[in-house]
All heavy atoms as atom14 arrays in JSON, in Angstrom:
{
  "sequence": "KEQAETFVATEDGSVGTKGNVLDAIRANALTADVI",
  "atom14_mask": [
    [1, 1, 1, 1, 1, 1, 1, 1, 1, 0, 0, 0, 0, 0],
    [1, 1, 1, 1, 1, 1, 1, 1, 1, 0, 0, 0, 0, 0],
    [1, 1, 1, 1, 1, 1, 1, 1, 1, 0, 0, 0, 0, 0],
    [1, 1, 1, 1, 1, 0, 0, 0, 0, 0, 0, 0, 0, 0],
    [1, 1, 1, 1, 1, 1, 1, 1, 1, 0, 0, 0, 0, 0],
    [1, 1, 1, 1, 1, 1, 1, 0, 0, 0, 0, 0, 0, 0],
    [1, 1, 1, 1, 1, 1, 1, 1, 1, 1, 1, 0, 0, 0],
    [1, 1, 1, 1, 1, 1, 1, 0, 0, 0, 0, 0, 0, 0],
    [1, 1, 1, 1, 1, 0, 0, 0, 0, 0, 0, 0, 0, 0],
    [1, 1, 1, 1, 1, 1, 1, 0, 0, 0, 0, 0, 0, 0],
    [1, 1, 1, 1, 1, 1, 1, 1, 1, 0, 0, 0, 0, 0],
    [1, 1, 1, 1, 1, 1, 1, 1, 0, 0, 0, 0, 0, 0],
    [1, 1, 1, 1, 0, 0, 0, 0, 0, 0, 0, 0, 0, 0],
    [1, 1, 1, 1, 1, 1, 0, 0, 0, 0, 0, 0, 0, 0],
    [1, 1, 1, 1, 1, 1, 1, 0, 0, 0, 0, 0, 0, 0],
    [1, 1, 1, 1, 0, 0, 0, 0, 0, 0, 0, 0, 0, 0],
    [1, 1, 1, 1, 1, 1, 1, 0, 0, 0, 0, 0, 0, 0],
    [1, 1, 1, 1, 1, 1, 1, 1, 1, 0, 0, 0, 0, 0],
    [1, 1, 1, 1, 0, 0, 0, 0, 0, 0, 0, 0, 0, 0],
    [1, 1, 1, 1, 1, 1, 1, 1, 0, 0, 0, 0, 0, 0],
    [1, 1, 1, 1, 1, 1, 1, 0, 0, 0, 0, 0, 0, 0],
    [1, 1, 1, 1, 1, 1, 1, 1, 0, 0, 0, 0, 0, 0],
    [1, 1, 1, 1, 1, 1, 1, 1, 0, 0, 0, 0, 0, 0],
    [1, 1, 1, 1, 1, 0, 0, 0, 0, 0, 0, 0, 0, 0],
    [1, 1, 1, 1, 1, 1, 1, 1, 0, 0, 0, 0, 0, 0],
    [1, 1, 1, 1, 1, 1, 1, 1, 1, 1, 1, 0, 0, 0],
    [1, 1, 1, 1, 1, 0, 0, 0, 0, 0, 0, 0, 0, 0],
    [1, 1, 1, 1, 1, 1, 1, 1, 0, 0, 0, 0, 0, 0],
    [1, 1, 1, 1, 1, 0, 0, 0, 0, 0, 0, 0, 0, 0],
    [1, 1, 1, 1, 1, 1, 1, 1, 0, 0, 0, 0, 0, 0],
    [1, 1, 1, 1, 1, 1, 1, 0, 0, 0, 0, 0, 0, 0],
    [1, 1, 1, 1, 1, 0, 0, 0, 0, 0, 0, 0, 0, 0],
    [1, 1, 1, 1, 1, 1, 1, 1, 0, 0, 0, 0, 0, 0],
    [1, 1, 1, 1, 1, 1, 1, 0, 0, 0, 0, 0, 0, 0],
    [1, 1, 1, 1, 1, 1, 1, 1, 0, 0, 0, 0, 0, 0]
  ],
  "atom14_positions": [
    [[-134.27, 169.89, 116.85], [-134.62, 168.96, 117.93], [-135.83, 168.09, 117.57], [-135.98, 166.99, 118.09], [-134.9, 169.75, 119.21], [-133.65, 170.36, 119.84], [-134.0, 171.14, 121.1], [-132.76, 171.7, 121.77], [-133.1, 172.51, 122.97], [0.0, 0.0, 0.0], [0.0, 0.0, 0.0], [0.0, 0.0, 0.0], [0.0, 0.0, 0.0], [0.0, 0.0, 0.0]],
    [[-136.67, 168.59, 116.66], [-137.81, 167.79, 116.2], [-137.39, 166.64, 115.3], [-138.15, 165.68, 115.11], [-138.8, 168.69, 115.45], [-139.49, 169.73, 116.32], [-140.3, 170.71, 115.49], [-140.35, 170.54, 114.25], [-140.87, 171.66, 116.07], [0.0, 0.0, 0.0], [0.0, 0.0, 0.0], [0.0, 0.0, 0.0], [0.0, 0.0, 0.0], [0.0, 0.0, 0.0]],
    [[-136.19, 166.73, 114.74], [-135.74, 165.72, 113.78], [-134.93, 164.6, 114.43], [-135.04, 163.44, 114.02], [-134.9, 166.39, 112.67], [-135.58, 167.54, 111.96], [-136.94, 167.18, 111.41], [-137.11, 166.1, 110.83], [-137.91, 168.06, 111.59], [0.0, 0.0, 0.0], [0.0, 0.0, 0.0], [0.0, 0.0, 0.0], [0.0, 0.0, 0.0], [0.0, 0.0, 0.0]],
    [[-134.09, 164.94, 115.41], [-133.21, 163.94, 116.03], [-132.6, 164.52, 117.3], [-132.73, 165.72, 117.58], [-132.11, 163.53, 115.05], [0.0, 0.0, 0.0], [0.0, 0.0, 0.0], [0.0, 0.0, 0.0], [0.0, 0.0, 0.0], [0.0, 0.0, 0.0], [0.0, 0.0, 0.0], [0.0, 0.0, 0.0], [0.0, 0.0, 0.0], [0.0, 0.0, 0.0]],
    [[-131.91, 163.67, 118.05], [-131.19, 164.12, 119.25], [-130.19, 165.2, 118.83], [-129.4, 164.99, 117.89], [-130.47, 162.93, 119.89], [-129.84, 163.25, 121.23], [-129.19, 162.04, 121.87], [-128.88, 161.06, 121.14], [-128.99, 162.06, 123.1], [0.0, 0.0, 0.0], [0.0, 0.0, 0.0], [0.0, 0.0, 0.0], [0.0, 0.0, 0.0], [0.0, 0.0, 0.0]],
    [[-130.22, 166.32, 119.52], [-129.44, 167.48, 119.1], [-128.56, 168.0, 120.23], [-129.01, 168.12, 121.37], [-130.38, 168.61, 118.62], [-131.16, 168.12, 117.52], [-129.6, 169.82, 118.16], [0.0, 0.0, 0.0], [0.0, 0.0, 0.0], [0.0, 0.0, 0.0], [0.0, 0.0, 0.0], [0.0, 0.0, 0.0], [0.0, 0.0, 0.0], [0.0, 0.0, 0.0]],
    [[-127.3, 168.3, 119.89], [-126.33, 168.83, 120.83], [-125.87, 170.2, 120.33], [-125.82, 170.45, 119.12], [-125.14, 167.89, 120.97], [-125.54, 166.52, 121.45], [-125.97, 165.54, 120.55], [-125.51, 166.2, 122.8], [-126.35, 164.28, 120.98], [-125.89, 164.94, 123.24], [-126.32, 163.98, 122.33], [0.0, 0.0, 0.0], [0.0, 0.0, 0.0], [0.0, 0.0, 0.0]],
    [[-125.52, 171.08, 121.27], [-125.2, 172.46, 120.92], [-123.87, 172.87, 121.53], [-123.55, 172.51, 122.67], [-126.29, 173.42, 121.43], [-125.97, 174.86, 121.02], [-127.66, 173.01, 120.91], [0.0, 0.0, 0.0], [0.0, 0.0, 0.0], [0.0, 0.0, 0.0], [0.0, 0.0, 0.0], [0.0, 0.0, 0.0], [0.0, 0.0, 0.0], [0.0, 0.0, 0.0]],
    [[-123.11, 173.65, 120.77], [-121.93, 174.33, 121.28], [-122.09, 175.81, 121.0], [-122.57, 176.2, 119.93], [-120.66, 173.81, 120.6], [0.0, 0.0, 0.0], [0.0, 0.0, 0.0], [0.0, 0.0, 0.0], [0.0, 0.0, 0.0], [0.0, 0.0, 0.0], [0.0, 0.0, 0.0], [0.0, 0.0, 0.0], [0.0, 0.0, 0.0], [0.0, 0.0, 0.0]],
    [[-121.71, 176.65, 121.97], [-121.68, 178.09, 121.75], [-120.31, 178.63, 122.17], [-119.71, 178.16, 123.14], [-122.78, 178.82, 122.57], [-122.72, 178.41, 123.93], [-124.16, 178.52, 122.01], [0.0, 0.0, 0.0], [0.0, 0.0, 0.0], [0.0, 0.0, 0.0], [0.0, 0.0, 0.0], [0.0, 0.0, 0.0], [0.0, 0.0, 0.0], [0.0, 0.0, 0.0]],
    [[-119.85, 179.62, 121.41], [-118.53, 180.18, 121.69], [-118.45, 180.78, 123.09], [-117.41, 180.71, 123.75], [-118.17, 181.22, 120.63], [-117.91, 180.64, 119.25], [-117.6, 181.71, 118.22], [-117.28, 182.85, 118.62], [-117.67, 181.4, 117.01], [0.0, 0.0, 0.0], [0.0, 0.0, 0.0], [0.0, 0.0, 0.0], [0.0, 0.0, 0.0], [0.0, 0.0, 0.0]],
    [[-119.56, 181.4, 123.52], [-119.54, 182.06, 124.83], [-120.07, 181.18, 125.97], [-120.14, 181.62, 127.12], [-120.31, 183.38, 124.78], [-121.8, 183.2, 124.5], [-122.25, 182.03, 124.37], [-122.52, 184.21, 124.41], [0.0, 0.0, 0.0], [0.0, 0.0, 0.0], [0.0, 0.0, 0.0], [0.0, 0.0, 0.0], [0.0, 0.0, 0.0], [0.0, 0.0, 0.0]],
    [[-120.45, 179.94, 125.63], [-120.92, 179.02, 126.67], [-122.33, 179.28, 127.17], [-122.76, 178.68, 128.15], [0.0, 0.0, 0.0], [0.0, 0.0, 0.0], [0.0, 0.0, 0.0], [0.0, 0.0, 0.0], [0.0, 0.0, 0.0], [0.0, 0.0, 0.0], [0.0, 0.0, 0.0], [0.0, 0.0, 0.0], [0.0, 0.0, 0.0], [0.0, 0.0, 0.0]],
    [[-123.07, 180.15, 126.49], [-124.42, 180.51, 126.96], [-125.42, 179.38, 126.78], [-126.41, 179.3, 127.51], [-124.92, 181.77, 126.23], [-124.87, 181.59, 124.82], [0.0, 0.0, 0.0], [0.0, 0.0, 0.0], [0.0, 0.0, 0.0], [0.0, 0.0, 0.0], [0.0, 0.0, 0.0], [0.0, 0.0, 0.0], [0.0, 0.0, 0.0], [0.0, 0.0, 0.0]],
    [[-125.19, 178.49, 125.81], [-126.07, 177.33, 125.58], [-125.18, 176.13, 125.3], [-124.22, 176.21, 124.53], [-127.03, 177.56, 124.39], [-127.96, 176.36, 124.21], [-127.84, 178.84, 124.57], [0.0, 0.0, 0.0], [0.0, 0.0, 0.0], [0.0, 0.0, 0.0], [0.0, 0.0, 0.0], [0.0, 0.0, 0.0], [0.0, 0.0, 0.0], [0.0, 0.0, 0.0]],
    [[-125.51, 175.0, 125.91], [-124.77, 173.77, 125.63], [-123.32, 173.82, 126.07], [-122.97, 174.45, 127.06], [0.0, 0.0, 0.0], [0.0, 0.0, 0.0], [0.0, 0.0, 0.0], [0.0, 0.0, 0.0], [0.0, 0.0, 0.0], [0.0, 0.0, 0.0], [0.0, 0.0, 0.0], [0.0, 0.0, 0.0], [0.0, 0.0, 0.0], [0.0, 0.0, 0.0]],
    [[-122.47, 173.16, 125.28], [-121.04, 173.09, 125.58], [-120.35, 174.39, 125.17], [-120.6, 174.91, 124.08], [-120.41, 171.91, 124.81], [-121.08, 170.7, 125.16], [-118.92, 171.79, 125.11], [0.0, 0.0, 0.0], [0.0, 0.0, 0.0], [0.0, 0.0, 0.0], [0.0, 0.0, 0.0], [0.0, 0.0, 0.0], [0.0, 0.0, 0.0], [0.0, 0.0, 0.0]],
    [[-119.48, 174.9, 126.01], [-118.7, 176.08, 125.63], [-117.57, 175.64, 124.69], [-116.81, 174.73, 125.0], [-118.1, 176.76, 126.86], [-117.33, 178.04, 126.5], [-116.85, 178.79, 127.72], [-116.15, 180.08, 127.29], [-115.7, 180.87, 128.46], [0.0, 0.0, 0.0], [0.0, 0.0, 0.0], [0.0, 0.0, 0.0], [0.0, 0.0, 0.0], [0.0, 0.0, 0.0]],
    [[-117.52, 176.28, 123.53], [-116.49, 175.93, 122.55], [-117.09, 175.71, 121.18], [-118.04, 176.38, 120.79], [0.0, 0.0, 0.0], [0.0, 0.0, 0.0], [0.0, 0.0, 0.0], [0.0, 0.0, 0.0], [0.0, 0.0, 0.0], [0.0, 0.0, 0.0], [0.0, 0.0, 0.0], [0.0, 0.0, 0.0], [0.0, 0.0, 0.0], [0.0, 0.0, 0.0]],
    [[-116.53, 174.73, 120.47], [-116.99, 174.47, 119.1], [-117.67, 173.1, 119.0], [-117.84, 172.41, 120.01], [-115.81, 174.57, 118.12], [-114.68, 173.61, 118.47], [-114.92, 172.48, 118.91], [-113.44, 174.04, 118.26], [0.0, 0.0, 0.0], [0.0, 0.0, 0.0], [0.0, 0.0, 0.0], [0.0, 0.0, 0.0], [0.0, 0.0, 0.0], [0.0, 0.0, 0.0]],
    [[-118.04, 172.72, 117.8], [-118.81, 171.49, 117.63], [-118.02, 170.25, 118.04], [-118.58, 169.29, 118.57], [-119.34, 171.34, 116.17], [-120.41, 172.39, 115.88], [-118.2, 171.42, 115.15], [0.0, 0.0, 0.0], [0.0, 0.0, 0.0], [0.0, 0.0, 0.0], [0.0, 0.0, 0.0], [0.0, 0.0, 0.0], [0.0, 0.0, 0.0], [0.0, 0.0, 0.0]],
    [[-116.71, 170.27, 117.82], [-115.9, 169.13, 118.25], [-115.85, 169.04, 119.77], [-115.82, 167.94, 120.33], [-114.49, 169.23, 117.68], [-114.31, 168.73, 116.25], [-112.89, 168.98, 115.75], [-114.65, 167.25, 116.14], [0.0, 0.0, 0.0], [0.0, 0.0, 0.0], [0.0, 0.0, 0.0], [0.0, 0.0, 0.0], [0.0, 0.0, 0.0], [0.0, 0.0, 0.0]],
    [[-115.84, 170.18, 120.44], [-115.91, 170.18, 121.91], [-117.21, 169.52, 122.37], [-117.22, 168.76, 123.35], [-115.82, 171.6, 122.46], [-114.45, 172.25, 122.21], [-113.44, 171.53, 122.31], [-114.42, 173.45, 121.89], [0.0, 0.0, 0.0], [0.0, 0.0, 0.0], [0.0, 0.0, 0.0], [0.0, 0.0, 0.0], [0.0, 0.0, 0.0], [0.0, 0.0, 0.0]],
    [[-118.32, 169.81, 121.67], [-119.61, 169.21, 122.03], [-119.61, 167.7, 121.79], [-120.15, 166.93, 122.59], [-120.73, 169.88, 121.25], [0.0, 0.0, 0.0], [0.0, 0.0, 0.0], [0.0, 0.0, 0.0], [0.0, 0.0, 0.0], [0.0, 0.0, 0.0], [0.0, 0.0, 0.0], [0.0, 0.0, 0.0], [0.0, 0.0, 0.0], [0.0, 0.0, 0.0]],
    [[-118.99, 167.28, 120.68], [-118.9, 165.84, 120.38], [-118.12, 165.12, 121.47], [-118.53, 164.07, 121.99], [-118.25, 165.63, 119.0], [-119.23, 166.05, 117.89], [-117.82, 164.17, 118.81], [-118.61, 166.09, 116.51], [0.0, 0.0, 0.0], [0.0, 0.0, 0.0], [0.0, 0.0, 0.0], [0.0, 0.0, 0.0], [0.0, 0.0, 0.0], [0.0, 0.0, 0.0]],
    [[-116.98, 165.7, 121.87], [-116.14, 165.06, 122.88], [-116.77, 165.12, 124.26], [-116.72, 164.14, 125.02], [-114.77, 165.72, 122.87], [-113.97, 165.42, 121.59], [-112.67, 166.18, 121.52], [-111.89, 165.8, 120.35], [-111.35, 166.68, 119.49], [-111.5, 167.98, 119.68], [-110.65, 166.25, 118.47], [0.0, 0.0, 0.0], [0.0, 0.0, 0.0], [0.0, 0.0, 0.0]],
    [[-117.4, 166.25, 124.59], [-118.02, 166.4, 125.92], [-119.15, 165.41, 126.13], [-119.42, 164.99, 127.26], [-118.53, 167.84, 126.1], [0.0, 0.0, 0.0], [0.0, 0.0, 0.0], [0.0, 0.0, 0.0], [0.0, 0.0, 0.0], [0.0, 0.0, 0.0], [0.0, 0.0, 0.0], [0.0, 0.0, 0.0], [0.0, 0.0, 0.0], [0.0, 0.0, 0.0]],
    [[-119.82, 165.05, 125.04], [-120.96, 164.13, 125.13], [-120.62, 162.71, 124.69], [-121.5, 161.87, 124.58], [-122.12, 164.68, 124.31], [-122.7, 165.96, 124.89], [-123.44, 165.92, 125.87], [-122.34, 167.1, 124.3], [0.0, 0.0, 0.0], [0.0, 0.0, 0.0], [0.0, 0.0, 0.0], [0.0, 0.0, 0.0], [0.0, 0.0, 0.0], [0.0, 0.0, 0.0]],
    [[-119.31, 162.46, 124.44], [-118.81, 161.13, 124.05], [-119.61, 160.55, 122.88], [-120.03, 159.39, 122.89], [-118.85, 160.18, 125.25], [0.0, 0.0, 0.0], [0.0, 0.0, 0.0], [0.0, 0.0, 0.0], [0.0, 0.0, 0.0], [0.0, 0.0, 0.0], [0.0, 0.0, 0.0], [0.0, 0.0, 0.0], [0.0, 0.0, 0.0], [0.0, 0.0, 0.0]],
    [[-119.83, 161.37, 121.85], [-120.61, 160.95, 120.69], [-119.73, 160.21, 119.69], [-118.55, 160.52, 119.53], [-121.25, 162.17, 120.01], [-122.08, 163.09, 120.9], [-122.63, 164.24, 120.08], [-123.21, 162.33, 121.58], [0.0, 0.0, 0.0], [0.0, 0.0, 0.0], [0.0, 0.0, 0.0], [0.0, 0.0, 0.0], [0.0, 0.0, 0.0], [0.0, 0.0, 0.0]],
    [[-120.33, 159.25, 118.99], [-119.6, 158.52, 117.95], [-120.49, 158.36, 116.72], [-121.71, 158.33, 116.83], [-119.19, 157.11, 118.43], [-120.36, 156.36, 118.77], [-118.26, 157.19, 119.64], [0.0, 0.0, 0.0], [0.0, 0.0, 0.0], [0.0, 0.0, 0.0], [0.0, 0.0, 0.0], [0.0, 0.0, 0.0], [0.0, 0.0, 0.0], [0.0, 0.0, 0.0]],
    [[-119.85, 158.27, 115.56], [-120.58, 158.08, 114.31], [-119.64, 157.49, 113.27], [-118.43, 157.37, 113.5], [-121.18, 159.4, 113.82], [0.0, 0.0, 0.0], [0.0, 0.0, 0.0], [0.0, 0.0, 0.0], [0.0, 0.0, 0.0], [0.0, 0.0, 0.0], [0.0, 0.0, 0.0], [0.0, 0.0, 0.0], [0.0, 0.0, 0.0], [0.0, 0.0, 0.0]],
    [[-120.2, 157.16, 112.11], [-119.42, 156.6, 111.0], [-119.18, 157.61, 109.89], [-118.24, 157.46, 109.1], [-120.16, 155.39, 110.39], [-120.5, 154.34, 111.42], [-119.61, 153.96, 112.21], [-121.67, 153.89, 111.46], [0.0, 0.0, 0.0], [0.0, 0.0, 0.0], [0.0, 0.0, 0.0], [0.0, 0.0, 0.0], [0.0, 0.0, 0.0], [0.0, 0.0, 0.0]],
    [[-120.06, 158.6, 109.79], [-119.97, 159.55, 108.69], [-120.41, 160.93, 109.18], [-121.27, 161.05, 110.06], [-120.84, 159.09, 107.48], [-122.31, 158.95, 107.87], [-120.7, 160.05, 106.3], [0.0, 0.0, 0.0], [0.0, 0.0, 0.0], [0.0, 0.0, 0.0], [0.0, 0.0, 0.0], [0.0, 0.0, 0.0], [0.0, 0.0, 0.0], [0.0, 0.0, 0.0]],
    [[-119.76, 161.95, 108.64], [-120.08, 163.35, 108.96], [-120.65, 164.03, 107.73], [-120.09, 163.9, 106.63], [-118.82, 164.12, 109.42], [-118.33, 163.6, 110.78], [-119.08, 165.62, 109.5], [-116.99, 164.19, 111.2], [0.0, 0.0, 0.0], [0.0, 0.0, 0.0], [0.0, 0.0, 0.0], [0.0, 0.0, 0.0], [0.0, 0.0, 0.0], [0.0, 0.0, 0.0]]
  ]
}
């Protein structure tokens, strides 16, 4: 979080989006050019 805007996914939903990293990307409508 000190480096850049940070999003989180957890399998059990305890922090951030429940699911995986792609679920977090879609839930937050994130876009980019390179991974």
